[in-house]
Amino acid sequence: CRPFCLRGGDEAGTHLRAVEQHRAGAAFAAVAADLGAGEPEPVAQRAGKGLVKRVKVAYLGPLYSYSHQAAAEYFGTTVDFAPVSTIATVFDELLHSHVDYGVVPLENSTDGRIVDTLGMFARHPIHITGEIQLRIHHNLVARCGRGEIQEVFSKPQAFSQCREWLSKHLPGVRLVEMTSTAAAAQLAAEKP
């Protein structure tokens, strides 16, 4: 994956950085409530009379999702992370100054650009300030043998990325869409 760091801006329109083609993963974007352009500020920002404000970062998905992994790689682990359930919510959190930055998917190697993210860029003055290369590795997780699997839970992009393997090794298995691969893994850990 290629996560992108984005930052809000006061100019009209969307400003995207040109990036090279990358066919081994997906792209993410990080967004910020601070409306100035430029690189992310240090994890601890000075605010007022010597007080320190921790940076807050919204990301798509639950803890341990690919967006969370991208955010942790880009910002480190000393920021406050705020998981949200939709790409639009990451942008809303940023635009309402509830967070300083956000991370959203922008592109993946099999399905191309993420339409929801591009639509948000078209409607809001957000700037990309950085990117992260993140390889995506999907795993089949179950509490039973492969021959006993009747359903596979995941997000549509993961199904698309794994369609050949699934059709070859699990033909006829019911595919159930979920909002994230991390949520699907949690369900697999709990469901017999």
C-alpha atoms as a PDB file:
ATOM      1  CA  CYS A   1       0.000   0.000   0.000  1.00  0.00           C
ATOM      2  CA  ARG A   2       1.018   3.560  -0.435  1.00  0.00           C
ATOM      3  CA  PRO A   3      -0.479   5.693   2.290  1.00  0.00           C
ATOM      4  CA  PHE A   4      -0.441   9.387   1.633  1.00  0.00           C
ATOM      5  CA  CYS A   5      -0.290  12.059   4.274  1.00  0.00           C
ATOM      6  CA  LEU A   6      -2.711  14.885   3.558  1.00  0.00           C
ATOM      7  CA  ARG A   7      -3.174  18.218   5.143  1.00  0.00           C
ATOM      8  CA  GLY A   8      -6.074  20.629   4.977  1.00  0.00           C
ATOM      9  CA  GLY A   9      -5.562  23.864   3.052  1.00  0.00           C
ATOM     10  CA  ASP A  10      -7.245  27.216   2.710  1.00  0.00           C
ATOM     11  CA  GLU A  11      -6.934  27.365  -1.063  1.00  0.00           C
ATOM     12  CA  ALA A  12      -9.787  26.209  -3.284  1.00  0.00           C
ATOM     13  CA  GLY A  13      -9.450  22.816  -4.892  1.00  0.00           C
ATOM     14  CA  THR A  14      -7.481  19.708  -4.184  1.00  0.00           C
ATOM     15  CA  HIS A  15      -3.715  19.469  -4.413  1.00  0.00           C
ATOM     16  CA  LEU A  16      -2.360  15.997  -5.105  1.00  0.00           C
ATOM     17  CA  ARG A  17       1.273  15.037  -5.297  1.00  0.00           C
ATOM     18  CA  ALA A  18       2.298  13.055  -8.338  1.00  0.00           C
ATOM     19  CA  VAL A  19       3.281   9.533  -7.382  1.00  0.00           C
ATOM     20  CA  GLU A  20       4.775   6.664  -9.303  1.00  0.00           C
ATOM     21  CA  GLN A  21       2.789   3.537 -10.128  1.00  0.00           C
ATOM     22  CA  HIS A  22       3.098   0.833  -7.504  1.00  0.00           C
ATOM     23  CA  ARG A  23       1.513  -2.541  -8.160  1.00  0.00           C
ATOM     24  CA  ALA A  24       2.256  -4.425  -4.967  1.00  0.00           C
ATOM     25  CA  GLY A  25      -0.180  -2.880  -2.528  1.00  0.00           C
ATOM     26  CA  ALA A  26      -2.583  -0.018  -1.914  1.00  0.00           C
ATOM     27  CA  ALA A  27      -2.363   3.715  -1.231  1.00  0.00           C
ATOM     28  CA  PHE A  28      -3.507   5.610   1.841  1.00  0.00           C
ATOM     29  CA  ALA A  29      -3.817   9.329   2.582  1.00  0.00           C
ATOM     30  CA  ALA A  30      -3.379  11.114   5.885  1.00  0.00           C
ATOM     31  CA  VAL A  31      -5.339  14.330   6.461  1.00  0.00           C
ATOM     32  CA  ALA A  32      -5.009  17.163   9.002  1.00  0.00           C
ATOM     33  CA  ALA A  33      -7.337  19.596  10.790  1.00  0.00           C
ATOM     34  CA  ASP A  34      -4.614  22.259  10.727  1.00  0.00           C
ATOM     35  CA  LEU A  35      -5.388  24.200   7.547  1.00  0.00           C
ATOM     36  CA  GLY A  36      -1.802  25.185   6.720  1.00  0.00           C
ATOM     37  CA  ALA A  37       0.191  23.305   4.102  1.00  0.00           C
ATOM     38  CA  GLY A  38       3.495  21.557   4.678  1.00  0.00           C
ATOM     39  CA  GLU A  39       5.043  18.563   6.354  1.00  0.00           C
ATOM     40  CA  PRO A  40       3.573  17.072   9.546  1.00  0.00           C
ATOM     41  CA  GLU A  41       4.711  18.817  12.683  1.00  0.00           C
ATOM     42  CA  PRO A  42       6.621  16.917  15.354  1.00  0.00           C
ATOM     43  CA  VAL A  43       4.575  14.469  17.400  1.00  0.00           C
ATOM     44  CA  ALA A  44       4.524  16.847  20.354  1.00  0.00           C
ATOM     45  CA  GLN A  45       3.513  20.359  19.322  1.00  0.00           C
ATOM     46  CA  ARG A  46       4.068  23.467  21.420  1.00  0.00           C
ATOM     47  CA  ALA A  47       0.815  25.189  22.323  1.00  0.00           C
ATOM     48  CA  GLY A  48       0.422  28.345  24.397  1.00  0.00           C
ATOM     49  CA  LYS A  49       2.897  28.952  27.233  1.00  0.00           C
ATOM     50  CA  GLY A  50       5.076  25.889  26.958  1.00  0.00           C
ATOM     51  CA  LEU A  51       2.191  23.420  27.079  1.00  0.00           C
ATOM     52  CA  VAL A  52       2.544  20.375  24.879  1.00  0.00           C
ATOM     53  CA  LYS A  53      -0.321  19.161  22.696  1.00  0.00           C
ATOM     54  CA  ARG A  54      -0.209  15.618  21.366  1.00  0.00           C
ATOM     55  CA  VAL A  55      -1.010  15.142  17.692  1.00  0.00           C
ATOM     56  CA  LYS A  56      -4.293  13.347  17.020  1.00  0.00           C
ATOM     57  CA  VAL A  57      -4.653  11.186  13.901  1.00  0.00           C
ATOM     58  CA  ALA A  58      -7.916   9.745  12.540  1.00  0.00           C
ATOM     59  CA  TYR A  59      -7.695   6.643  10.369  1.00  0.00           C
ATOM     60  CA  LEU A  60     -10.095   4.381   8.504  1.00  0.00           C
ATOM     61  CA  GLY A  61     -10.864   1.132  10.234  1.00  0.00           C
ATOM     62  CA  PRO A  62     -10.433  -0.481  13.609  1.00  0.00           C
ATOM     63  CA  LEU A  63      -7.179  -1.001  15.476  1.00  0.00           C
ATOM     64  CA  TYR A  64      -4.671  -3.080  13.432  1.00  0.00           C
ATOM     65  CA  SER A  65      -6.340  -2.280  10.096  1.00  0.00           C
ATOM     66  CA  TYR A  66      -4.029  -1.453   7.190  1.00  0.00           C
ATOM     67  CA  SER A  67      -4.854   2.243   7.617  1.00  0.00           C
ATOM     68  CA  HIS A  68      -3.855   1.974  11.282  1.00  0.00           C
ATOM     69  CA  GLN A  69      -0.589   0.266  10.312  1.00  0.00           C
ATOM     70  CA  ALA A  70       0.128   3.021   7.779  1.00  0.00           C
ATOM     71  CA  ALA A  71      -0.651   5.741  10.335  1.00  0.00           C
ATOM     72  CA  ALA A  72       1.607   4.142  12.950  1.00  0.00           C
ATOM     73  CA  GLU A  73       4.443   3.803  10.433  1.00  0.00           C
ATOM     74  CA  TYR A  74       4.140   7.421   9.300  1.00  0.00           C
ATOM     75  CA  PHE A  75       3.420   9.149  12.620  1.00  0.00           C
ATOM     76  CA  GLY A  76       4.982   6.736  15.117  1.00  0.00           C
ATOM     77  CA  THR A  77       3.296   5.422  18.222  1.00  0.00           C
ATOM     78  CA  THR A  78       3.380   8.543  20.397  1.00  0.00           C
ATOM     79  CA  VAL A  79       0.367  10.205  18.749  1.00  0.00           C
ATOM     80  CA  ASP A  80      -3.247   9.746  19.733  1.00  0.00           C
ATOM     81  CA  PHE A  81      -5.039   7.566  17.179  1.00  0.00           C
ATOM     82  CA  ALA A  82      -8.769   7.873  16.487  1.00  0.00           C
ATOM     83  CA  PRO A  83     -10.299   4.990  14.513  1.00  0.00           C
ATOM     84  CA  VAL A  84     -13.369   5.868  12.424  1.00  0.00           C
ATOM     85  CA  SER A  85     -15.684   3.760  10.278  1.00  0.00           C
ATOM     86  CA  THR A  86     -15.743   5.618   6.944  1.00  0.00           C
ATOM     87  CA  ILE A  87     -13.485   7.642   4.666  1.00  0.00           C
ATOM     88  CA  ALA A  88     -15.944  10.541   4.882  1.00  0.00           C
ATOM     89  CA  THR A  89     -15.663  10.518   8.680  1.00  0.00           C
ATOM     90  CA  VAL A  90     -11.872  10.887   8.492  1.00  0.00           C
ATOM     91  CA  PHE A  91     -12.368  14.009   6.357  1.00  0.00           C
ATOM     92  CA  ASP A  92     -15.167  15.314   8.639  1.00  0.00           C
ATOM     93  CA  GLU A  93     -12.994  14.873  11.733  1.00  0.00           C
ATOM     94  CA  LEU A  94     -10.276  16.833  10.004  1.00  0.00           C
ATOM     95  CA  LEU A  95     -12.482  19.578   8.644  1.00  0.00           C
ATOM     96  CA  HIS A  96     -14.089  20.113  12.076  1.00  0.00           C
ATOM     97  CA  SER A  97     -10.642  20.274  13.733  1.00  0.00           C
ATOM     98  CA  HIS A  98     -11.267  17.203  15.893  1.00  0.00           C
ATOM     99  CA  VAL A  99      -7.971  15.723  14.667  1.00  0.00           C
ATOM    100  CA  ASP A 100      -4.704  17.095  13.327  1.00  0.00           C
ATOM    101  CA  TYR A 101      -4.188  14.481  10.602  1.00  0.00           C
ATOM    102  CA  GLY A 102      -5.975  11.510   9.090  1.00  0.00           C
ATOM    103  CA  VAL A 103      -5.100   8.414   7.084  1.00  0.00           C
ATOM    104  CA  VAL A 104      -7.327   7.107   4.293  1.00  0.00           C
ATOM    105  CA  PRO A 105      -6.799   4.624   1.450  1.00  0.00           C
ATOM    106  CA  LEU A 106      -6.120   6.233  -1.906  1.00  0.00           C
ATOM    107  CA  GLU A 107      -5.157   3.393  -4.237  1.00  0.00           C
ATOM    108  CA  ASN A 108      -4.592  -0.347  -4.312  1.00  0.00           C
ATOM    109  CA  SER A 109      -2.657  -2.428  -6.785  1.00  0.00           C
ATOM    110  CA  THR A 110      -5.514  -4.587  -8.061  1.00  0.00           C
ATOM    111  CA  ASP A 111      -8.528  -2.269  -8.100  1.00  0.00           C
ATOM    112  CA  GLY A 112      -6.842   1.074  -8.687  1.00  0.00           C
ATOM    113  CA  ARG A 113      -7.818   4.317  -7.004  1.00  0.00           C
ATOM    114  CA  ILE A 114     -10.286   4.411  -4.116  1.00  0.00           C
ATOM    115  CA  VAL A 115     -13.289   6.325  -5.497  1.00  0.00           C
ATOM    116  CA  ASP A 116     -14.660   7.402  -2.082  1.00  0.00           C
ATOM    117  CA  THR A 117     -11.365   9.071  -1.180  1.00  0.00           C
ATOM    118  CA  LEU A 118     -11.020  10.807  -4.542  1.00  0.00           C
ATOM    119  CA  GLY A 119     -14.566  12.107  -4.203  1.00  0.00           C
ATOM    120  CA  MET A 120     -13.729  13.619  -0.814  1.00  0.00           C
ATOM    121  CA  PHE A 121     -10.631  15.294  -2.298  1.00  0.00           C
ATOM    122  CA  ALA A 122     -12.767  16.800  -5.053  1.00  0.00           C
ATOM    123  CA  ARG A 123     -15.106  18.356  -2.461  1.00  0.00           C
ATOM    124  CA  HIS A 124     -12.608  19.548   0.173  1.00  0.00           C
ATOM    125  CA  PRO A 125      -9.360  21.598   0.139  1.00  0.00           C
ATOM    126  CA  ILE A 126      -7.024  18.874   1.389  1.00  0.00           C
ATOM    127  CA  HIS A 127      -3.289  18.624   0.654  1.00  0.00           C
ATOM    128  CA  ILE A 128      -1.083  15.528   0.552  1.00  0.00           C
ATOM    129  CA  THR A 129       2.045  16.066   2.649  1.00  0.00           C
ATOM    130  CA  GLY A 130       3.633  12.623   2.553  1.00  0.00           C
ATOM    131  CA  GLU A 131       3.264   8.951   1.759  1.00  0.00           C
ATOM    132  CA  ILE A 132       4.229   5.533   3.085  1.00  0.00           C
ATOM    133  CA  GLN A 133       4.934   2.328   1.186  1.00  0.00           C
ATOM    134  CA  LEU A 134       2.993  -0.480   2.867  1.00  0.00           C
ATOM    135  CA  ARG A 135       2.760  -3.993   1.464  1.00  0.00           C
ATOM    136  CA  ILE A 136      -0.531  -5.772   1.971  1.00  0.00           C
ATOM    137  CA  HIS A 137      -0.529  -9.417   3.037  1.00  0.00           C
ATOM    138  CA  HIS A 138      -3.853 -11.206   3.365  1.00  0.00           C
ATOM    139  CA  ASN A 139      -4.191 -14.383   5.395  1.00  0.00           C
ATOM    140  CA  LEU A 140      -6.973 -16.926   5.711  1.00  0.00           C
ATOM    141  CA  VAL A 141      -7.717 -17.240   9.436  1.00  0.00           C
ATOM    142  CA  ALA A 142     -10.098 -19.871  10.793  1.00  0.00           C
ATOM    143  CA  ARG A 143     -10.708 -22.022  13.846  1.00  0.00           C
ATOM    144  CA  CYS A 144     -11.216 -25.088  11.650  1.00  0.00           C
ATOM    145  CA  GLY A 145      -9.483 -26.828   8.764  1.00  0.00           C
ATOM    146  CA  ARG A 146      -9.675 -25.326   5.266  1.00  0.00           C
ATOM    147  CA  GLY A 147     -12.017 -28.103   4.108  1.00  0.00           C
ATOM    148  CA  GLU A 148     -14.562 -27.148   6.785  1.00  0.00           C
ATOM    149  CA  ILE A 149     -14.785 -23.458   5.833  1.00  0.00           C
ATOM    150  CA  GLN A 150     -18.260 -22.494   4.597  1.00  0.00           C
ATOM    151  CA  GLU A 151     -17.974 -18.679   4.707  1.00  0.00           C
ATOM    152  CA  VAL A 152     -15.154 -16.171   4.276  1.00  0.00           C
ATOM    153  CA  PHE A 153     -15.556 -12.676   5.771  1.00  0.00           C
ATOM    154  CA  SER A 154     -13.583  -9.706   4.446  1.00  0.00           C
ATOM    155  CA  LYS A 155     -13.856  -6.349   2.731  1.00  0.00           C
ATOM    156  CA  PRO A 156     -14.585  -6.173  -1.012  1.00  0.00           C
ATOM    157  CA  GLN A 157     -11.064  -4.997  -1.920  1.00  0.00           C
ATOM    158  CA  ALA A 158      -9.498  -7.991  -0.161  1.00  0.00           C
ATOM    159  CA  PHE A 159     -11.864 -10.372  -1.971  1.00  0.00           C
ATOM    160  CA  SER A 160     -10.843  -8.749  -5.246  1.00  0.00           C
ATOM    161  CA  GLN A 161      -7.145  -9.018  -4.409  1.00  0.00           C
ATOM    162  CA  CYS A 162      -7.539 -12.702  -3.485  1.00  0.00           C
ATOM    163  CA  ARG A 163     -10.173 -13.774  -6.041  1.00  0.00           C
ATOM    164  CA  GLU A 164      -7.930 -16.201  -7.949  1.00  0.00           C
ATOM    165  CA  TRP A 165      -6.738 -17.953  -4.777  1.00  0.00           C
ATOM    166  CA  LEU A 166     -10.271 -18.117  -3.378  1.00  0.00           C
ATOM    167  CA  SER A 167     -11.732 -19.571  -6.588  1.00  0.00           C
ATOM    168  CA  LYS A 168      -8.975 -22.185  -6.778  1.00  0.00           C
ATOM    169  CA  HIS A 169      -8.801 -23.229  -3.100  1.00  0.00           C
ATOM    170  CA  LEU A 170     -12.305 -22.431  -1.777  1.00  0.00           C
ATOM    171  CA  PRO A 171     -14.712 -22.750  -4.717  1.00  0.00           C
ATOM    172  CA  GLY A 172     -18.349 -22.435  -3.721  1.00  0.00           C
ATOM    173  CA  VAL A 173     -17.597 -20.871  -0.327  1.00  0.00           C
ATOM    174  CA  ARG A 174     -19.927 -17.989   0.568  1.00  0.00           C
ATOM    175  CA  LEU A 175     -18.135 -14.596   0.604  1.00  0.00           C
ATOM    176  CA  VAL A 176     -19.499 -12.162   3.212  1.00  0.00           C
ATOM    177  CA  GLU A 177     -18.529  -8.490   2.925  1.00  0.00           C
ATOM    178  CA  MET A 178     -17.386  -6.565   5.996  1.00  0.00           C
ATOM    179  CA  THR A 179     -16.082  -3.033   6.576  1.00  0.00           C
ATOM    180  CA  SER A 180     -12.473  -4.087   7.246  1.00  0.00           C
ATOM    181  CA  THR A 181     -10.116  -7.040   7.144  1.00  0.00           C
ATOM    182  CA  ALA A 182      -9.239  -6.403  10.806  1.00  0.00           C
ATOM    183  CA  ALA A 183     -12.915  -6.739  11.799  1.00  0.00           C
ATOM    184  CA  ALA A 184     -13.147  -9.917   9.703  1.00  0.00           C
ATOM    185  CA  ALA A 185     -10.101 -11.372  11.493  1.00  0.00           C
ATOM    186  CA  GLN A 186     -11.678 -10.572  14.871  1.00  0.00           C
ATOM    187  CA  LEU A 187     -14.890 -12.342  13.810  1.00  0.00           C
ATOM    188  CA  ALA A 188     -12.896 -15.362  12.596  1.00  0.00           C
ATOM    189  CA  ALA A 189     -11.159 -15.562  15.977  1.00  0.00           C
ATOM    190  CA  GLU A 190     -14.520 -15.587  17.761  1.00  0.00           C
ATOM    191  CA  LYS A 191     -16.637 -17.700  15.371  1.00  0.00           C
ATOM    192  CA  PRO A 192     -16.214 -21.488  15.347  1.00  0.00           C
END
